[in-house]
Amino acid sequence: MATTFEWRIANMEHYTADGVVFTVHYTISANDGTYSSSAYGSIGLEKPDPSAMVPYANLTEELVVGWVKQNFGDEKVEEIEAALQQQLDQQHAPTTAPGLPWAG
């Protein structure tokens, strides 16, 4: 099964006076049908041009995820998803293991 990646918005920080979002907290989940991995982070946003501003009440998760990805750029988005894929690959074929040899 192919890996699916899901970008979600965990929270946002905005100015109460004008609704401008300045920080977005996001999660990315990867699932291949057997294993899953995830990451959490935040990114600061620049104040938008007033003509392009979307009223706070009209924001959607899809729109804000788009902002996050746009601010990262395609290369960084691919790096993040590749790191999650590596975690899944490691779960399928571990190259490290915990343990104590004397604890039998």
N, C-alpha and C. Protein backbone atom coordinates (compact mmCIF):
# COMPACT_ATOMS: atom_id res chain seq x y z
N MET A 1 0.84 -1.18 0.00
CA MET A 1 0.00 0.00 0.00
C MET A 1 0.89 1.25 0.00
N ALA A 2 0.49 2.23 -0.75
CA ALA A 2 1.24 3.48 -0.82
C ALA A 2 1.05 4.29 0.47
N THR A 3 2.03 5.07 0.78
CA THR A 3 1.96 5.91 1.97
C THR A 3 1.09 7.13 1.68
N THR A 4 0.22 7.45 2.62
CA THR A 4 -0.57 8.67 2.52
C THR A 4 -0.07 9.65 3.58
N PHE A 5 -0.01 10.90 3.20
CA PHE A 5 0.42 11.97 4.09
C PHE A 5 -0.76 12.90 4.32
N GLU A 6 -1.00 13.22 5.57
CA GLU A 6 -2.10 14.13 5.90
C GLU A 6 -1.56 15.31 6.70
N TRP A 7 -1.69 16.49 6.14
CA TRP A 7 -1.30 17.74 6.79
C TRP A 7 -2.53 18.32 7.47
N ARG A 8 -2.40 18.66 8.74
CA ARG A 8 -3.51 19.22 9.52
C ARG A 8 -3.02 20.46 10.27
N ILE A 9 -3.94 21.30 10.64
CA ILE A 9 -3.63 22.48 11.43
C ILE A 9 -4.05 22.20 12.86
N ALA A 10 -3.08 22.27 13.78
CA ALA A 10 -3.34 22.00 15.20
C ALA A 10 -3.82 23.25 15.91
N ASN A 11 -3.29 24.41 15.52
CA ASN A 11 -3.67 25.66 16.16
C ASN A 11 -3.10 26.82 15.35
N MET A 12 -3.62 28.02 15.59
CA MET A 12 -3.10 29.22 14.94
C MET A 12 -3.08 30.34 15.97
N GLU A 13 -2.15 31.25 15.77
CA GLU A 13 -2.11 32.46 16.58
C GLU A 13 -2.38 33.64 15.65
N HIS A 14 -3.26 34.53 16.09
CA HIS A 14 -3.63 35.67 15.26
C HIS A 14 -3.81 36.92 16.12
N TYR A 15 -3.76 38.06 15.45
CA TYR A 15 -4.01 39.33 16.12
C TYR A 15 -5.51 39.53 16.23
N THR A 16 -5.97 39.89 17.42
CA THR A 16 -7.42 40.08 17.62
C THR A 16 -7.95 41.31 16.90
N ALA A 17 -7.10 42.31 16.69
CA ALA A 17 -7.57 43.55 16.07
C ALA A 17 -7.96 43.36 14.61
N ASP A 18 -7.18 42.57 13.86
CA ASP A 18 -7.46 42.43 12.43
C ASP A 18 -7.58 40.99 11.94
N GLY A 19 -7.37 40.02 12.83
CA GLY A 19 -7.50 38.62 12.45
C GLY A 19 -6.34 38.05 11.67
N VAL A 20 -5.26 38.80 11.52
CA VAL A 20 -4.11 38.32 10.76
C VAL A 20 -3.42 37.20 11.53
N VAL A 21 -3.28 36.07 10.86
CA VAL A 21 -2.61 34.90 11.44
C VAL A 21 -1.11 35.10 11.28
N PHE A 22 -0.37 34.95 12.39
CA PHE A 22 1.08 35.12 12.32
C PHE A 22 1.86 33.86 12.64
N THR A 23 1.24 32.86 13.28
CA THR A 23 1.89 31.58 13.54
C THR A 23 0.89 30.46 13.33
N VAL A 24 1.33 29.42 12.65
CA VAL A 24 0.50 28.24 12.42
C VAL A 24 1.22 27.03 13.00
N HIS A 25 0.51 26.26 13.80
CA HIS A 25 1.02 25.01 14.35
C HIS A 25 0.37 23.88 13.54
N TYR A 26 1.18 22.99 13.03
CA TYR A 26 0.69 21.96 12.11
C TYR A 26 1.17 20.57 12.53
N THR A 27 0.48 19.56 12.02
CA THR A 27 0.92 18.18 12.15
C THR A 27 0.93 17.55 10.76
N ILE A 28 1.81 16.58 10.59
CA ILE A 28 1.84 15.78 9.37
C ILE A 28 1.84 14.33 9.80
N SER A 29 0.89 13.57 9.29
CA SER A 29 0.82 12.14 9.60
C SER A 29 1.09 11.35 8.33
N ALA A 30 1.83 10.26 8.48
CA ALA A 30 2.10 9.35 7.37
C ALA A 30 1.58 7.97 7.77
N ASN A 31 0.91 7.32 6.85
CA ASN A 31 0.37 5.99 7.13
C ASN A 31 0.51 5.14 5.88
N ASP A 32 1.04 3.92 6.06
CA ASP A 32 1.19 3.03 4.91
C ASP A 32 0.28 1.80 5.00
N GLY A 33 -0.69 1.87 5.90
CA GLY A 33 -1.62 0.76 6.06
C GLY A 33 -1.20 -0.21 7.14
N THR A 34 0.08 -0.22 7.48
CA THR A 34 0.61 -1.07 8.54
C THR A 34 1.16 -0.23 9.68
N TYR A 35 1.96 0.75 9.33
CA TYR A 35 2.62 1.60 10.32
C TYR A 35 2.24 3.06 10.08
N SER A 36 2.50 3.87 11.11
CA SER A 36 2.28 5.30 10.98
C SER A 36 3.39 6.06 11.68
N SER A 37 3.58 7.30 11.26
CA SER A 37 4.53 8.21 11.89
C SER A 37 3.95 9.61 11.77
N SER A 38 4.45 10.52 12.57
CA SER A 38 3.92 11.88 12.51
C SER A 38 4.96 12.88 12.98
N ALA A 39 4.69 14.13 12.67
CA ALA A 39 5.55 15.23 13.08
C ALA A 39 4.67 16.42 13.43
N TYR A 40 5.20 17.29 14.29
CA TYR A 40 4.51 18.50 14.72
C TYR A 40 5.48 19.65 14.58
N GLY A 41 4.97 20.79 14.17
CA GLY A 41 5.84 21.96 14.08
C GLY A 41 5.03 23.23 14.01
N SER A 42 5.72 24.34 13.91
CA SER A 42 5.06 25.62 13.73
C SER A 42 5.86 26.46 12.76
N ILE A 43 5.19 27.40 12.14
CA ILE A 43 5.83 28.27 11.16
C ILE A 43 5.23 29.66 11.30
N GLY A 44 6.08 30.65 11.20
CA GLY A 44 5.62 32.03 11.23
C GLY A 44 5.25 32.49 9.84
N LEU A 45 4.22 33.32 9.77
CA LEU A 45 3.76 33.85 8.49
C LEU A 45 3.97 35.35 8.44
N GLU A 46 4.28 35.85 7.26
CA GLU A 46 4.37 37.28 7.04
C GLU A 46 2.96 37.87 6.93
N LYS A 47 2.83 39.13 7.29
CA LYS A 47 1.53 39.80 7.15
C LYS A 47 1.19 39.89 5.67
N PRO A 48 -0.02 39.46 5.29
CA PRO A 48 -0.38 39.47 3.87
C PRO A 48 -0.67 40.88 3.36
N ASP A 49 -0.59 41.02 2.06
CA ASP A 49 -1.00 42.26 1.41
C ASP A 49 -2.49 42.46 1.73
N PRO A 50 -2.90 43.65 2.13
CA PRO A 50 -4.31 43.87 2.50
C PRO A 50 -5.30 43.44 1.42
N SER A 51 -4.92 43.55 0.15
CA SER A 51 -5.85 43.17 -0.93
C SER A 51 -6.00 41.65 -1.03
N ALA A 52 -5.06 40.89 -0.47
CA ALA A 52 -5.11 39.43 -0.54
C ALA A 52 -5.57 38.81 0.78
N MET A 53 -5.87 39.64 1.77
CA MET A 53 -6.20 39.11 3.09
C MET A 53 -7.57 38.44 3.09
N VAL A 54 -7.61 37.26 3.70
CA VAL A 54 -8.86 36.51 3.87
C VAL A 54 -9.34 36.77 5.30
N PRO A 55 -10.59 37.19 5.48
CA PRO A 55 -11.08 37.41 6.84
C PRO A 55 -10.92 36.15 7.69
N TYR A 56 -10.55 36.36 8.95
CA TYR A 56 -10.28 35.25 9.86
C TYR A 56 -11.43 34.25 9.88
N ALA A 57 -12.65 34.73 9.92
CA ALA A 57 -13.82 33.84 9.98
C ALA A 57 -13.98 32.99 8.73
N ASN A 58 -13.35 33.40 7.64
CA ASN A 58 -13.47 32.67 6.37
C ASN A 58 -12.33 31.69 6.12
N LEU A 59 -11.37 31.62 7.04
CA LEU A 59 -10.25 30.70 6.85
C LEU A 59 -10.71 29.26 6.95
N THR A 60 -10.10 28.40 6.15
CA THR A 60 -10.37 26.96 6.21
C THR A 60 -9.05 26.24 6.44
N GLU A 61 -9.15 25.04 6.95
CA GLU A 61 -7.94 24.26 7.17
C GLU A 61 -7.19 24.05 5.85
N GLU A 62 -7.91 23.77 4.79
CA GLU A 62 -7.29 23.55 3.49
C GLU A 62 -6.49 24.77 3.04
N LEU A 63 -7.05 25.95 3.23
CA LEU A 63 -6.37 27.19 2.85
C LEU A 63 -5.10 27.38 3.66
N VAL A 64 -5.19 27.18 4.98
CA VAL A 64 -4.04 27.40 5.86
C VAL A 64 -2.96 26.34 5.61
N VAL A 65 -3.34 25.09 5.37
CA VAL A 65 -2.35 24.07 5.00
C VAL A 65 -1.61 24.52 3.74
N GLY A 66 -2.34 25.08 2.80
CA GLY A 66 -1.71 25.60 1.58
C GLY A 66 -0.69 26.68 1.89
N TRP A 67 -1.01 27.57 2.84
CA TRP A 67 -0.06 28.61 3.24
C TRP A 67 1.20 27.99 3.82
N VAL A 68 1.00 27.00 4.69
CA VAL A 68 2.15 26.34 5.33
C VAL A 68 3.05 25.73 4.26
N LYS A 69 2.47 24.96 3.36
CA LYS A 69 3.25 24.31 2.30
C LYS A 69 3.92 25.35 1.40
N GLN A 70 3.21 26.42 1.08
CA GLN A 70 3.77 27.46 0.22
C GLN A 70 4.97 28.12 0.91
N ASN A 71 4.84 28.38 2.20
CA ASN A 71 5.94 29.00 2.94
C ASN A 71 7.15 28.07 3.03
N PHE A 72 6.92 26.78 3.13
CA PHE A 72 8.03 25.83 3.15
C PHE A 72 8.66 25.70 1.77
N GLY A 73 7.85 25.66 0.76
CA GLY A 73 8.32 25.40 -0.59
C GLY A 73 8.29 23.90 -0.86
N ASP A 74 8.20 23.55 -2.13
CA ASP A 74 8.07 22.14 -2.52
C ASP A 74 9.21 21.27 -2.01
N GLU A 75 10.43 21.78 -2.06
CA GLU A 75 11.59 20.98 -1.66
C GLU A 75 11.52 20.61 -0.17
N LYS A 76 11.17 21.57 0.67
CA LYS A 76 11.09 21.32 2.12
C LYS A 76 9.93 20.38 2.43
N VAL A 77 8.80 20.56 1.76
CA VAL A 77 7.65 19.65 1.96
C VAL A 77 8.08 18.23 1.62
N GLU A 78 8.79 18.05 0.51
CA GLU A 78 9.27 16.72 0.12
C GLU A 78 10.23 16.16 1.16
N GLU A 79 11.11 17.00 1.73
CA GLU A 79 12.05 16.55 2.76
C GLU A 79 11.31 16.07 4.00
N ILE A 80 10.30 16.81 4.42
CA ILE A 80 9.52 16.44 5.61
C ILE A 80 8.82 15.10 5.37
N GLU A 81 8.18 14.96 4.23
CA GLU A 81 7.48 13.71 3.93
C GLU A 81 8.46 12.56 3.77
N ALA A 82 9.64 12.82 3.21
CA ALA A 82 10.66 11.76 3.07
C ALA A 82 11.15 11.31 4.44
N ALA A 83 11.29 12.23 5.38
CA ALA A 83 11.72 11.86 6.74
C ALA A 83 10.68 10.97 7.41
N LEU A 84 9.40 11.28 7.20
CA LEU A 84 8.34 10.42 7.76
C LEU A 84 8.35 9.06 7.08
N GLN A 85 8.59 9.04 5.78
CA GLN A 85 8.67 7.77 5.06
C GLN A 85 9.82 6.93 5.59
N GLN A 86 10.95 7.58 5.92
CA GLN A 86 12.09 6.85 6.50
C GLN A 86 11.71 6.20 7.82
N GLN A 87 10.91 6.91 8.62
CA GLN A 87 10.46 6.34 9.89
C GLN A 87 9.60 5.10 9.64
N LEU A 88 8.73 5.16 8.64
CA LEU A 88 7.91 3.98 8.30
C LEU A 88 8.79 2.83 7.82
N ASP A 89 9.76 3.14 6.96
CA ASP A 89 10.68 2.12 6.45
C ASP A 89 11.43 1.46 7.60
N GLN A 90 11.84 2.26 8.57
CA GLN A 90 12.57 1.74 9.74
C GLN A 90 11.67 0.81 10.56
N GLN A 91 10.38 1.10 10.62
CA GLN A 91 9.46 0.23 11.35
C GLN A 91 9.29 -1.11 10.63
N HIS A 92 9.31 -1.08 9.30
CA HIS A 92 9.18 -2.31 8.51
C HIS A 92 10.44 -3.17 8.60
N ALA A 93 11.59 -2.54 8.61
CA ALA A 93 12.87 -3.28 8.62
C ALA A 93 13.83 -2.57 9.57
N PRO A 94 13.65 -2.79 10.88
CA PRO A 94 14.48 -2.09 11.86
C PRO A 94 15.98 -2.36 11.66
N THR A 95 16.75 -1.29 11.81
CA THR A 95 18.21 -1.42 11.76
C THR A 95 18.82 -1.20 13.14
N THR A 96 17.99 -0.87 14.11
CA THR A 96 18.43 -0.71 15.48
C THR A 96 17.41 -1.38 16.39
N ALA A 97 17.84 -1.72 17.61
CA ALA A 97 16.92 -2.34 18.56
C ALA A 97 17.39 -2.03 19.98
N PRO A 98 16.45 -1.86 20.91
CA PRO A 98 16.81 -1.67 22.30
C PRO A 98 17.03 -3.02 22.98
N GLY A 99 17.62 -3.00 24.15
CA GLY A 99 17.72 -4.24 24.90
C GLY A 99 19.01 -4.35 25.69
N LEU A 100 19.01 -5.33 26.57
CA LEU A 100 20.17 -5.67 27.39
C LEU A 100 20.46 -7.14 27.18
N PRO A 101 21.65 -7.49 26.74
CA PRO A 101 21.94 -8.89 26.43
C PRO A 101 21.84 -9.81 27.66
N TRP A 102 22.02 -9.29 28.82
CA TRP A 102 21.98 -10.11 30.05
C TRP A 102 20.60 -10.20 30.65
N ALA A 103 19.62 -9.47 30.05
CA ALA A 103 18.27 -9.48 30.62
C ALA A 103 17.40 -10.53 29.95
N GLY A 104 17.98 -11.41 29.21
CA GLY A 104 17.48 -12.53 28.52
C GLY A 104 16.10 -12.78 28.32
